[in-house]
Every structure is written in C-alpha cells, then in structure tokens.
Amino acid sequence: MGLFASEVEGLWPNDYAWMLRAAVVRDAVTAFEVYLEKGLDEAFNRRGLAITRKEGRPSPPWRVLVKGHKVLGNDVDTGRIKQIRYLRHLLSHQRGELRTEKMRVRFAQHHLLAASLDPQLEDGEYLGSKVQLAEATVEGVLDGLAAGVREADKRVWAIAWGGAPAPELDKIRARFAGPPDGHQDG
C-alpha cells in the first residue's frame, strides 16, 4: 500500500467527492420533505385545522404529506420526485450500492435516474455496482426539488395568505367542526 493510501486509509479524492455529493442529495431531499410539512401545517393552520401526529413521530410520513398536499391542490409525488426520493433511498440505506443485477436493471431502466438527472449521461450507459453521482446529477436533483417547492409554494401561499378557496380543505374543516350552531350531536 502506498504512502498516500495509508495516510487517507484508502479514501481517494473521488471517494470523498462521491460521499459529499451523496450527502448533498440526502440532505436536500430531507429539506424538501421538511418544507412540504411546514407548508402543509401553515395552510391547514390558517384554515383552523392541524395535522395530527403520532406520539414519538414529530413529522408525518411521506404518504400523509402527499395526501395533504393533494387536498391543497398540489401534486408533490411526481415522477421526477419519485426518482429523486428513490435515489435518496439508495444513498441512505445502501450507500449507493446496486448489489444485484435486478437492482441495476431497476435503477437503469425503471427509474431512468442516470439519464433523467444527468443529461450528459447516455441512455443505458454502464452504471456499475454503485450509483454514479456526477455534479450534473446532483444539480439535476436540486433543480427537481426546487421546481417541486416552487410549484407547491404557489398553492400553499395562496391558501394560507392569499385567501384562495380550498374546497377540499374546507370540507375537512366542516366535518370536524360539527354543526354551524356549535352543538355536537352525540
């Protein structure tokens, strides 16, 4: 083993760059989810509702965020967001390893992450056994998440601060508020 390799304990500069890019993707997806949660809370609270959270689970699961935003009129579970969240899953739970041929095929064909997030990669380019994270891929992830925030924010802001109608949200509030005279049947 060479002097450099022993000094860095086998960590090469490209390994460091990959780890840094993976951390950026993971943190960006988490920040996106936190933003969606806060936007949902804001819109619901301004309409006199609150999202119920289970004890010990301060944030609602993804499916609740998706359903809540659907009530507001937002689609936050687009194909691109699904791809990005799948990439985050691979990076978080498998350290980016595509351990089986089936995983490599799923990554390359079903999700088309490499080509859709990094336009410089050719369709069907060899992926190897680890998710490739070029700068352009990470920028594609960040751009995709930013587009999702911009789209969701329009409706959240309009409902929370602009007084825009939210018929589905108002139906939910009416269901929990009881009869208009304030008396609960029971």
N, C-alpha and C. Protein backbone atom coordinates (compact mmCIF):
# COMPACT_ATOMS: atom_id res chain seq x y z
N MET A 1 0.86 -1.18 0.00
CA MET A 1 0.00 0.00 0.00
C MET A 1 0.90 1.24 0.00
N GLY A 2 0.58 2.24 -0.80
CA GLY A 2 1.40 3.44 -0.89
C GLY A 2 1.20 4.38 0.29
N LEU A 3 2.09 5.36 0.38
CA LEU A 3 2.04 6.33 1.48
C LEU A 3 0.72 7.09 1.49
N PHE A 4 0.28 7.59 0.31
CA PHE A 4 -0.99 8.34 0.26
C PHE A 4 -2.15 7.47 0.72
N ALA A 5 -2.23 6.26 0.20
CA ALA A 5 -3.33 5.36 0.56
C ALA A 5 -3.34 5.06 2.05
N SER A 6 -2.18 4.89 2.64
CA SER A 6 -2.16 4.61 4.08
C SER A 6 -2.52 5.85 4.89
N GLU A 7 -2.13 7.03 4.43
CA GLU A 7 -2.46 8.28 5.14
C GLU A 7 -3.95 8.57 5.13
N VAL A 8 -4.61 8.27 4.04
CA VAL A 8 -6.05 8.55 3.93
C VAL A 8 -6.89 7.30 4.19
N GLU A 9 -6.21 6.23 4.61
CA GLU A 9 -6.87 4.97 4.92
C GLU A 9 -7.74 4.49 3.76
N GLY A 10 -7.23 4.62 2.55
CA GLY A 10 -7.92 4.12 1.38
C GLY A 10 -8.95 5.06 0.78
N LEU A 11 -9.13 6.24 1.36
CA LEU A 11 -10.11 7.20 0.83
C LEU A 11 -9.44 8.05 -0.24
N TRP A 12 -9.88 7.87 -1.45
CA TRP A 12 -9.34 8.63 -2.57
C TRP A 12 -10.19 9.87 -2.81
N PRO A 13 -9.63 10.88 -3.49
CA PRO A 13 -10.40 12.11 -3.72
C PRO A 13 -11.76 11.87 -4.39
N ASN A 14 -11.84 10.92 -5.33
CA ASN A 14 -13.13 10.68 -5.97
C ASN A 14 -14.12 10.04 -4.98
N ASP A 15 -13.60 9.27 -3.99
CA ASP A 15 -14.48 8.73 -2.95
C ASP A 15 -15.05 9.86 -2.11
N TYR A 16 -14.19 10.81 -1.75
CA TYR A 16 -14.64 11.95 -0.95
C TYR A 16 -15.69 12.76 -1.72
N ALA A 17 -15.45 13.02 -2.99
CA ALA A 17 -16.41 13.78 -3.80
C ALA A 17 -17.74 13.04 -3.86
N TRP A 18 -17.70 11.72 -4.03
CA TRP A 18 -18.94 10.93 -4.08
C TRP A 18 -19.69 11.04 -2.75
N MET A 19 -18.96 10.91 -1.64
CA MET A 19 -19.61 10.99 -0.32
C MET A 19 -20.23 12.37 -0.10
N LEU A 20 -19.54 13.40 -0.52
CA LEU A 20 -20.05 14.76 -0.37
C LEU A 20 -21.31 14.94 -1.22
N ARG A 21 -21.29 14.48 -2.46
CA ARG A 21 -22.46 14.59 -3.33
C ARG A 21 -23.63 13.78 -2.79
N ALA A 22 -23.36 12.60 -2.27
CA ALA A 22 -24.43 11.78 -1.67
C ALA A 22 -25.05 12.50 -0.48
N ALA A 23 -24.22 13.14 0.33
CA ALA A 23 -24.73 13.88 1.49
C ALA A 23 -25.60 15.05 1.05
N VAL A 24 -25.20 15.72 -0.01
CA VAL A 24 -25.99 16.84 -0.53
C VAL A 24 -27.36 16.35 -0.98
N VAL A 25 -27.40 15.24 -1.71
CA VAL A 25 -28.68 14.69 -2.19
C VAL A 25 -29.55 14.30 -0.99
N ARG A 26 -28.99 13.57 -0.05
CA ARG A 26 -29.79 13.13 1.11
C ARG A 26 -30.34 14.32 1.88
N ASP A 27 -29.49 15.31 2.15
CA ASP A 27 -29.94 16.48 2.91
C ASP A 27 -30.95 17.31 2.13
N ALA A 28 -30.78 17.41 0.83
CA ALA A 28 -31.71 18.19 0.02
C ALA A 28 -33.10 17.56 0.01
N VAL A 29 -33.16 16.24 -0.09
CA VAL A 29 -34.46 15.57 -0.07
C VAL A 29 -35.12 15.74 1.29
N THR A 30 -34.34 15.63 2.34
CA THR A 30 -34.88 15.84 3.68
C THR A 30 -35.40 17.27 3.83
N ALA A 31 -34.64 18.24 3.37
CA ALA A 31 -35.09 19.64 3.44
C ALA A 31 -36.38 19.84 2.64
N PHE A 32 -36.49 19.19 1.50
CA PHE A 32 -37.70 19.26 0.67
C PHE A 32 -38.89 18.73 1.45
N GLU A 33 -38.74 17.59 2.09
CA GLU A 33 -39.82 16.99 2.87
C GLU A 33 -40.21 17.88 4.05
N VAL A 34 -39.22 18.47 4.72
CA VAL A 34 -39.50 19.38 5.83
C VAL A 34 -40.25 20.61 5.33
N TYR A 35 -39.85 21.14 4.17
CA TYR A 35 -40.56 22.28 3.60
C TYR A 35 -42.02 21.91 3.33
N LEU A 36 -42.25 20.75 2.73
CA LEU A 36 -43.63 20.34 2.44
C LEU A 36 -44.44 20.22 3.71
N GLU A 37 -43.83 19.69 4.76
CA GLU A 37 -44.53 19.57 6.04
C GLU A 37 -44.89 20.95 6.60
N LYS A 38 -43.95 21.86 6.59
CA LYS A 38 -44.21 23.20 7.12
C LYS A 38 -45.26 23.94 6.28
N GLY A 39 -45.21 23.77 4.98
CA GLY A 39 -46.21 24.40 4.12
C GLY A 39 -47.60 23.84 4.39
N LEU A 40 -47.68 22.55 4.57
CA LEU A 40 -48.95 21.90 4.88
C LEU A 40 -49.48 22.40 6.22
N ASP A 41 -48.61 22.45 7.22
CA ASP A 41 -49.01 22.96 8.53
C ASP A 41 -49.54 24.39 8.42
N GLU A 42 -48.84 25.21 7.66
CA GLU A 42 -49.24 26.61 7.52
C GLU A 42 -50.61 26.74 6.87
N ALA A 43 -50.82 26.04 5.79
CA ALA A 43 -52.11 26.12 5.09
C ALA A 43 -53.24 25.56 5.96
N PHE A 44 -53.00 24.42 6.59
CA PHE A 44 -54.03 23.82 7.44
C PHE A 44 -54.32 24.72 8.64
N ASN A 45 -53.28 25.22 9.31
CA ASN A 45 -53.47 26.07 10.49
C ASN A 45 -54.25 27.34 10.16
N ARG A 46 -53.98 27.93 9.02
CA ARG A 46 -54.70 29.15 8.62
C ARG A 46 -56.17 28.87 8.36
N ARG A 47 -56.52 27.60 8.13
CA ARG A 47 -57.92 27.21 7.94
C ARG A 47 -58.50 26.58 9.20
N GLY A 48 -57.78 26.71 10.31
CA GLY A 48 -58.28 26.21 11.58
C GLY A 48 -58.16 24.70 11.77
N LEU A 49 -57.24 24.09 11.07
CA LEU A 49 -57.02 22.64 11.18
C LEU A 49 -55.56 22.39 11.58
N ALA A 50 -55.32 21.19 12.07
CA ALA A 50 -53.96 20.79 12.39
C ALA A 50 -53.76 19.36 11.95
N ILE A 51 -52.57 19.05 11.55
CA ILE A 51 -52.23 17.68 11.17
C ILE A 51 -51.88 16.94 12.45
N THR A 52 -52.57 15.85 12.68
CA THR A 52 -52.33 15.05 13.87
C THR A 52 -51.06 14.25 13.69
N ARG A 53 -50.25 14.26 14.73
CA ARG A 53 -49.01 13.49 14.69
C ARG A 53 -49.03 12.44 15.79
N LYS A 54 -48.51 11.28 15.48
CA LYS A 54 -48.42 10.22 16.46
C LYS A 54 -47.33 10.56 17.46
N GLU A 55 -47.53 10.15 18.69
CA GLU A 55 -46.53 10.39 19.72
C GLU A 55 -45.21 9.75 19.31
N GLY A 56 -44.14 10.48 19.47
CA GLY A 56 -42.83 9.98 19.09
C GLY A 56 -42.52 10.12 17.61
N ARG A 57 -43.47 10.61 16.83
CA ARG A 57 -43.25 10.82 15.39
C ARG A 57 -43.60 12.28 15.08
N PRO A 58 -42.64 13.16 15.23
CA PRO A 58 -42.95 14.59 15.05
C PRO A 58 -43.29 14.98 13.62
N SER A 59 -42.90 14.19 12.64
CA SER A 59 -43.19 14.51 11.25
C SER A 59 -44.09 13.44 10.65
N PRO A 60 -45.05 13.87 9.85
CA PRO A 60 -45.91 12.87 9.21
C PRO A 60 -45.14 12.08 8.16
N PRO A 61 -45.55 10.85 7.90
CA PRO A 61 -44.88 10.07 6.85
C PRO A 61 -45.16 10.67 5.47
N TRP A 62 -44.38 10.25 4.49
CA TRP A 62 -44.47 10.77 3.14
C TRP A 62 -45.89 10.68 2.59
N ARG A 63 -46.56 9.54 2.78
CA ARG A 63 -47.90 9.36 2.21
C ARG A 63 -48.88 10.40 2.76
N VAL A 64 -48.70 10.83 4.01
CA VAL A 64 -49.55 11.86 4.59
C VAL A 64 -49.25 13.22 3.95
N LEU A 65 -47.98 13.50 3.73
CA LEU A 65 -47.62 14.75 3.05
C LEU A 65 -48.21 14.79 1.65
N VAL A 66 -48.14 13.67 0.95
CA VAL A 66 -48.69 13.61 -0.41
C VAL A 66 -50.19 13.84 -0.38
N LYS A 67 -50.90 13.15 0.52
CA LYS A 67 -52.36 13.30 0.61
C LYS A 67 -52.74 14.71 1.04
N GLY A 68 -52.02 15.25 2.01
CA GLY A 68 -52.31 16.61 2.47
C GLY A 68 -52.13 17.63 1.37
N HIS A 69 -51.07 17.52 0.62
CA HIS A 69 -50.84 18.47 -0.47
C HIS A 69 -51.85 18.26 -1.60
N LYS A 70 -52.29 17.04 -1.79
CA LYS A 70 -53.33 16.78 -2.80
C LYS A 70 -54.61 17.52 -2.42
N VAL A 71 -54.92 17.56 -1.11
CA VAL A 71 -56.08 18.30 -0.63
C VAL A 71 -55.93 19.79 -0.97
N LEU A 72 -54.71 20.29 -0.91
CA LEU A 72 -54.46 21.70 -1.25
C LEU A 72 -54.47 21.94 -2.75
N GLY A 73 -54.40 20.88 -3.53
CA GLY A 73 -54.35 21.01 -4.98
C GLY A 73 -52.96 20.85 -5.56
N ASN A 74 -52.03 20.34 -4.77
CA ASN A 74 -50.65 20.14 -5.21
C ASN A 74 -50.39 18.67 -5.50
N ASP A 75 -49.56 18.41 -6.50
CA ASP A 75 -49.05 17.08 -6.75
C ASP A 75 -47.57 17.11 -6.41
N VAL A 76 -47.22 16.60 -5.22
CA VAL A 76 -45.83 16.62 -4.78
C VAL A 76 -45.16 15.26 -4.97
N ASP A 77 -45.87 14.31 -5.58
CA ASP A 77 -45.33 12.97 -5.79
C ASP A 77 -45.23 12.70 -7.29
N THR A 78 -44.61 13.62 -8.00
CA THR A 78 -44.46 13.49 -9.45
C THR A 78 -43.44 12.40 -9.77
N GLY A 79 -43.38 12.02 -11.01
CA GLY A 79 -42.40 11.02 -11.43
C GLY A 79 -40.98 11.43 -11.08
N ARG A 80 -40.66 12.68 -11.30
CA ARG A 80 -39.30 13.16 -11.00
C ARG A 80 -39.01 13.10 -9.51
N ILE A 81 -39.97 13.50 -8.68
CA ILE A 81 -39.77 13.45 -7.23
C ILE A 81 -39.64 12.00 -6.77
N LYS A 82 -40.41 11.10 -7.36
CA LYS A 82 -40.28 9.67 -7.02
C LYS A 82 -38.86 9.18 -7.34
N GLN A 83 -38.34 9.60 -8.49
CA GLN A 83 -36.98 9.21 -8.86
C GLN A 83 -35.96 9.73 -7.85
N ILE A 84 -36.12 10.98 -7.49
CA ILE A 84 -35.18 11.61 -6.56
C ILE A 84 -35.26 10.95 -5.18
N ARG A 85 -36.47 10.67 -4.71
CA ARG A 85 -36.62 10.01 -3.41
C ARG A 85 -36.06 8.59 -3.46
N TYR A 86 -36.19 7.90 -4.60
CA TYR A 86 -35.62 6.57 -4.76
C TYR A 86 -34.09 6.66 -4.70
N LEU A 87 -33.52 7.65 -5.34
CA LEU A 87 -32.07 7.84 -5.29
C LEU A 87 -31.64 8.08 -3.85
N ARG A 88 -32.36 8.93 -3.13
CA ARG A 88 -32.01 9.17 -1.72
C ARG A 88 -32.07 7.87 -0.93
N HIS A 89 -33.08 7.03 -1.21
CA HIS A 89 -33.19 5.75 -0.52
C HIS A 89 -31.94 4.89 -0.78
N LEU A 90 -31.53 4.81 -2.05
CA LEU A 90 -30.33 4.04 -2.38
C LEU A 90 -29.10 4.59 -1.66
N LEU A 91 -28.99 5.89 -1.60
CA LEU A 91 -27.83 6.51 -0.96
C LEU A 91 -27.85 6.34 0.55
N SER A 92 -29.03 6.41 1.15
CA SER A 92 -29.15 6.33 2.60
C SER A 92 -29.09 4.91 3.12
N HIS A 93 -29.77 4.00 2.46
CA HIS A 93 -29.93 2.66 3.01
C HIS A 93 -29.00 1.62 2.40
N GLN A 94 -28.37 1.96 1.28
CA GLN A 94 -27.50 1.00 0.62
C GLN A 94 -26.15 1.61 0.26
N ARG A 95 -25.90 2.81 0.76
CA ARG A 95 -24.65 3.53 0.46
C ARG A 95 -24.39 3.61 -1.03
N GLY A 96 -25.49 3.67 -1.81
CA GLY A 96 -25.37 3.82 -3.25
C GLY A 96 -25.03 2.54 -3.99
N GLU A 97 -24.98 1.44 -3.28
CA GLU A 97 -24.61 0.17 -3.92
C GLU A 97 -25.80 -0.44 -4.65
N LEU A 98 -25.55 -0.84 -5.86
CA LEU A 98 -26.53 -1.58 -6.65
C LEU A 98 -26.07 -3.03 -6.59
N ARG A 99 -26.52 -3.73 -5.56
CA ARG A 99 -25.93 -5.01 -5.15
C ARG A 99 -26.24 -6.19 -6.06
N THR A 100 -27.34 -6.11 -6.76
CA THR A 100 -27.72 -7.24 -7.61
C THR A 100 -27.99 -6.74 -9.02
N GLU A 101 -28.00 -7.68 -9.95
CA GLU A 101 -28.32 -7.32 -11.33
C GLU A 101 -29.72 -6.73 -11.40
N LYS A 102 -30.63 -7.29 -10.62
CA LYS A 102 -32.01 -6.80 -10.59
C LYS A 102 -32.05 -5.33 -10.15
N MET A 103 -31.25 -4.99 -9.15
CA MET A 103 -31.20 -3.60 -8.69
C MET A 103 -30.64 -2.69 -9.77
N ARG A 104 -29.61 -3.16 -10.46
CA ARG A 104 -29.01 -2.35 -11.52
C ARG A 104 -30.00 -2.12 -12.66
N VAL A 105 -30.73 -3.17 -13.00
CA VAL A 105 -31.74 -3.05 -14.07
C VAL A 105 -32.84 -2.09 -13.64
N ARG A 106 -33.31 -2.23 -12.40
CA ARG A 106 -34.36 -1.34 -11.90
C ARG A 106 -33.90 0.10 -11.92
N PHE A 107 -32.69 0.31 -11.45
CA PHE A 107 -32.15 1.67 -11.41
C PHE A 107 -32.01 2.25 -12.82
N ALA A 108 -31.48 1.47 -13.73
CA ALA A 108 -31.19 1.96 -15.08
C ALA A 108 -32.44 2.08 -15.94
N GLN A 109 -33.34 1.10 -15.87
CA GLN A 109 -34.47 1.08 -16.81
C GLN A 109 -35.75 1.63 -16.20
N HIS A 110 -36.14 1.11 -15.06
CA HIS A 110 -37.42 1.51 -14.50
C HIS A 110 -37.43 2.98 -14.08
N HIS A 111 -36.41 3.40 -13.39
CA HIS A 111 -36.37 4.78 -12.89
C HIS A 111 -35.64 5.74 -13.80
N LEU A 112 -34.77 5.20 -14.63
CA LEU A 112 -34.02 6.04 -15.58
C LEU A 112 -33.35 7.22 -14.89
N LEU A 113 -32.88 7.01 -13.67
CA LEU A 113 -32.29 8.11 -12.92
C LEU A 113 -31.06 8.69 -13.59
N ALA A 114 -30.20 7.83 -14.03
CA ALA A 114 -28.94 8.34 -14.58
C ALA A 114 -29.20 9.30 -15.73
N ALA A 115 -30.03 8.89 -16.68
CA ALA A 115 -30.28 9.73 -17.85
C ALA A 115 -31.16 10.92 -17.54
N SER A 116 -32.14 10.75 -16.64
CA SER A 116 -33.07 11.85 -16.40
C SER A 116 -32.48 12.93 -15.51
N LEU A 117 -31.56 12.56 -14.63
CA LEU A 117 -31.00 13.55 -13.72
C LEU A 117 -29.67 14.12 -14.21
N ASP A 118 -29.04 13.42 -15.11
CA ASP A 118 -27.77 13.89 -15.64
C ASP A 118 -27.80 13.80 -17.16
N PRO A 119 -28.18 14.88 -17.84
CA PRO A 119 -28.33 14.84 -19.28
C PRO A 119 -27.04 14.51 -20.03
N GLN A 120 -25.90 14.58 -19.38
CA GLN A 120 -24.64 14.26 -20.04
C GLN A 120 -24.44 12.75 -20.17
N LEU A 121 -25.16 11.96 -19.38
CA LEU A 121 -25.03 10.51 -19.47
C LEU A 121 -25.88 10.00 -20.62
N GLU A 122 -25.39 9.00 -21.28
CA GLU A 122 -26.14 8.38 -22.36
C GLU A 122 -27.13 7.38 -21.78
N ASP A 123 -28.28 7.24 -22.41
CA ASP A 123 -29.23 6.21 -22.01
C ASP A 123 -28.55 4.85 -22.06
N GLY A 124 -28.70 4.08 -21.01
CA GLY A 124 -28.15 2.73 -21.00
C GLY A 124 -26.65 2.68 -20.75
N GLU A 125 -26.04 3.80 -20.39
CA GLU A 125 -24.62 3.80 -20.09
C GLU A 125 -24.36 2.85 -18.92
N TYR A 126 -23.23 2.19 -18.95
CA TYR A 126 -22.89 1.25 -17.88
C TYR A 126 -22.88 1.97 -16.54
N LEU A 127 -23.62 1.40 -15.59
CA LEU A 127 -23.73 2.04 -14.28
C LEU A 127 -22.77 1.46 -13.26
N GLY A 128 -22.36 0.22 -13.44
CA GLY A 128 -21.50 -0.40 -12.45
C GLY A 128 -22.30 -0.83 -11.24
N SER A 129 -21.61 -1.07 -10.15
CA SER A 129 -22.28 -1.59 -8.96
C SER A 129 -22.57 -0.49 -7.95
N LYS A 130 -22.29 0.75 -8.30
CA LYS A 130 -22.55 1.86 -7.39
C LYS A 130 -23.18 3.01 -8.18
N VAL A 131 -24.13 3.68 -7.57
CA VAL A 131 -24.77 4.83 -8.19
C VAL A 131 -23.71 5.87 -8.51
N GLN A 132 -23.70 6.33 -9.75
CA GLN A 132 -22.77 7.37 -10.15
C GLN A 132 -23.36 8.73 -9.76
N LEU A 133 -22.56 9.58 -9.18
CA LEU A 133 -23.03 10.90 -8.76
C LEU A 133 -22.14 11.99 -9.33
N ALA A 134 -22.36 12.33 -10.56
CA ALA A 134 -21.65 13.45 -11.16
C ALA A 134 -22.26 14.75 -10.65
N GLU A 135 -21.53 15.84 -10.80
CA GLU A 135 -22.06 17.14 -10.40
C GLU A 135 -23.40 17.42 -11.08
N ALA A 136 -23.49 17.08 -12.35
CA ALA A 136 -24.72 17.33 -13.10
C ALA A 136 -25.89 16.53 -12.52
N THR A 137 -25.63 15.35 -12.01
CA THR A 137 -26.69 14.55 -11.39
C THR A 137 -27.21 15.25 -10.15
N VAL A 138 -26.29 15.71 -9.32
CA VAL A 138 -26.68 16.40 -8.09
C VAL A 138 -27.41 17.70 -8.43
N GLU A 139 -26.94 18.43 -9.41
CA GLU A 139 -27.63 19.65 -9.83
C GLU A 139 -29.03 19.33 -10.35
N GLY A 140 -29.17 18.21 -11.07
CA GLY A 140 -30.49 17.78 -11.53
C GLY A 140 -31.43 17.49 -10.38
N VAL A 141 -30.91 16.86 -9.34
CA VAL A 141 -31.70 16.59 -8.14
C VAL A 141 -32.14 17.91 -7.51
N LEU A 142 -31.20 18.81 -7.31
CA LEU A 142 -31.52 20.09 -6.67
C LEU A 142 -32.52 20.89 -7.51
N ASP A 143 -32.34 20.89 -8.82
CA ASP A 143 -33.29 21.59 -9.69
C ASP A 143 -34.67 20.96 -9.61
N GLY A 144 -34.74 19.64 -9.58
CA GLY A 144 -36.03 18.95 -9.48
C GLY A 144 -36.75 19.26 -8.19
N LEU A 145 -36.01 19.27 -7.09
CA LEU A 145 -36.61 19.60 -5.80
C LEU A 145 -37.04 21.06 -5.74
N ALA A 146 -36.22 21.94 -6.30
CA ALA A 146 -36.57 23.37 -6.33
C ALA A 146 -37.84 23.60 -7.14
N ALA A 147 -37.98 22.89 -8.24
CA ALA A 147 -39.21 23.01 -9.05
C ALA A 147 -40.42 22.54 -8.25
N GLY A 148 -40.25 21.46 -7.49
CA GLY A 148 -41.34 20.97 -6.65
C GLY A 148 -41.73 21.97 -5.57
N VAL A 149 -40.74 22.62 -4.97
CA VAL A 149 -41.02 23.64 -3.96
C VAL A 149 -41.74 24.83 -4.58
N ARG A 150 -41.24 25.30 -5.72
CA ARG A 150 -41.88 26.45 -6.36
C ARG A 150 -43.34 26.16 -6.69
N GLU A 151 -43.60 24.96 -7.19
CA GLU A 151 -44.97 24.60 -7.56
C GLU A 151 -45.87 24.49 -6.33
N ALA A 152 -45.40 23.80 -5.30
CA ALA A 152 -46.20 23.64 -4.08
C ALA A 152 -46.41 24.97 -3.37
N ASP A 153 -45.39 25.80 -3.39
CA ASP A 153 -45.46 27.07 -2.68
C ASP A 153 -46.55 27.98 -3.21
N LYS A 154 -46.79 27.93 -4.51
CA LYS A 154 -47.84 28.79 -5.09
C LYS A 154 -49.17 28.53 -4.40
N ARG A 155 -49.54 27.28 -4.28
CA ARG A 155 -50.84 26.93 -3.71
C ARG A 155 -50.85 27.13 -2.19
N VAL A 156 -49.76 26.75 -1.52
CA VAL A 156 -49.68 26.94 -0.06
C VAL A 156 -49.84 28.42 0.26
N TRP A 157 -49.10 29.25 -0.42
CA TRP A 157 -49.16 30.69 -0.15
C TRP A 157 -50.55 31.22 -0.45
N ALA A 158 -51.12 30.82 -1.58
CA ALA A 158 -52.44 31.33 -1.96
C ALA A 158 -53.50 30.96 -0.92
N ILE A 159 -53.42 29.77 -0.36
CA ILE A 159 -54.40 29.33 0.63
C ILE A 159 -54.13 29.98 1.99
N ALA A 160 -52.86 29.94 2.41
CA ALA A 160 -52.52 30.42 3.75
C ALA A 160 -52.59 31.94 3.86
N TRP A 161 -52.14 32.64 2.85
CA TRP A 161 -52.02 34.09 2.97
C TRP A 161 -52.84 34.87 1.95
N GLY A 162 -53.26 34.24 0.89
CA GLY A 162 -54.00 34.96 -0.14
C GLY A 162 -55.50 34.74 -0.09
N GLY A 163 -55.95 33.89 0.82
CA GLY A 163 -57.39 33.65 0.93
C GLY A 163 -57.98 32.87 -0.23
N ALA A 164 -57.15 32.15 -0.97
CA ALA A 164 -57.66 31.37 -2.10
C ALA A 164 -58.60 30.28 -1.60
N PRO A 165 -59.60 29.95 -2.39
CA PRO A 165 -60.50 28.87 -1.97
C PRO A 165 -59.76 27.54 -1.93
N ALA A 166 -60.15 26.74 -0.97
CA ALA A 166 -59.60 25.39 -0.83
C ALA A 166 -60.77 24.48 -0.47
N PRO A 167 -61.61 24.14 -1.45
CA PRO A 167 -62.84 23.40 -1.16
C PRO A 167 -62.62 22.10 -0.39
N GLU A 168 -61.60 21.33 -0.76
CA GLU A 168 -61.36 20.06 -0.06
C GLU A 168 -60.96 20.29 1.39
N LEU A 169 -60.14 21.30 1.61
CA LEU A 169 -59.70 21.64 2.97
C LEU A 169 -60.88 22.14 3.79
N ASP A 170 -61.74 22.94 3.20
CA ASP A 170 -62.91 23.44 3.91
C ASP A 170 -63.90 22.32 4.22
N LYS A 171 -64.01 21.31 3.35
CA LYS A 171 -64.86 20.15 3.65
C LYS A 171 -64.34 19.41 4.87
N ILE A 172 -63.03 19.25 4.95
CA ILE A 172 -62.43 18.58 6.11
C ILE A 172 -62.71 19.38 7.37
N ARG A 173 -62.53 20.68 7.31
CA ARG A 173 -62.77 21.52 8.48
C ARG A 173 -64.23 21.44 8.90
N ALA A 174 -65.14 21.46 7.95
CA ALA A 174 -66.56 21.39 8.26
C ALA A 174 -66.91 20.06 8.92
N ARG A 175 -66.27 19.00 8.48
CA ARG A 175 -66.55 17.68 9.04
C ARG A 175 -66.12 17.61 10.50
N PHE A 176 -65.04 18.27 10.86
CA PHE A 176 -64.55 18.24 12.24
C PHE A 176 -65.16 19.33 13.10
N ALA A 177 -65.69 20.37 12.49
CA ALA A 177 -66.22 21.50 13.26
C ALA A 177 -67.60 21.21 13.83
N GLY A 178 -68.33 20.29 13.24
CA GLY A 178 -69.68 20.00 13.72
C GLY A 178 -70.70 20.94 13.11
N PRO A 179 -71.93 20.89 13.62
CA PRO A 179 -72.99 21.75 13.07
C PRO A 179 -72.68 23.23 13.25
N PRO A 180 -73.23 24.09 12.40
CA PRO A 180 -72.93 25.50 12.44
C PRO A 180 -73.27 26.17 13.77
N ASP A 181 -74.25 25.65 14.53
CA ASP A 181 -74.62 26.31 15.79
C ASP A 181 -73.67 25.98 16.93
N GLY A 182 -72.69 25.12 16.66
CA GLY A 182 -71.68 24.82 17.65
C GLY A 182 -72.03 23.64 18.54
N HIS A 183 -73.26 23.09 18.45
CA HIS A 183 -73.65 21.97 19.28
C HIS A 183 -73.28 20.66 18.58
N GLN A 184 -72.67 19.79 19.31
CA GLN A 184 -72.30 18.49 18.77
C GLN A 184 -73.46 17.51 19.01
N ASP A 185 -73.77 16.73 17.99
CA ASP A 185 -74.75 15.66 18.19
C ASP A 185 -74.04 14.53 18.89
N GLY A 186 -74.73 13.83 19.73
CA GLY A 186 -74.00 12.76 20.34
C GLY A 186 -74.77 11.90 21.15
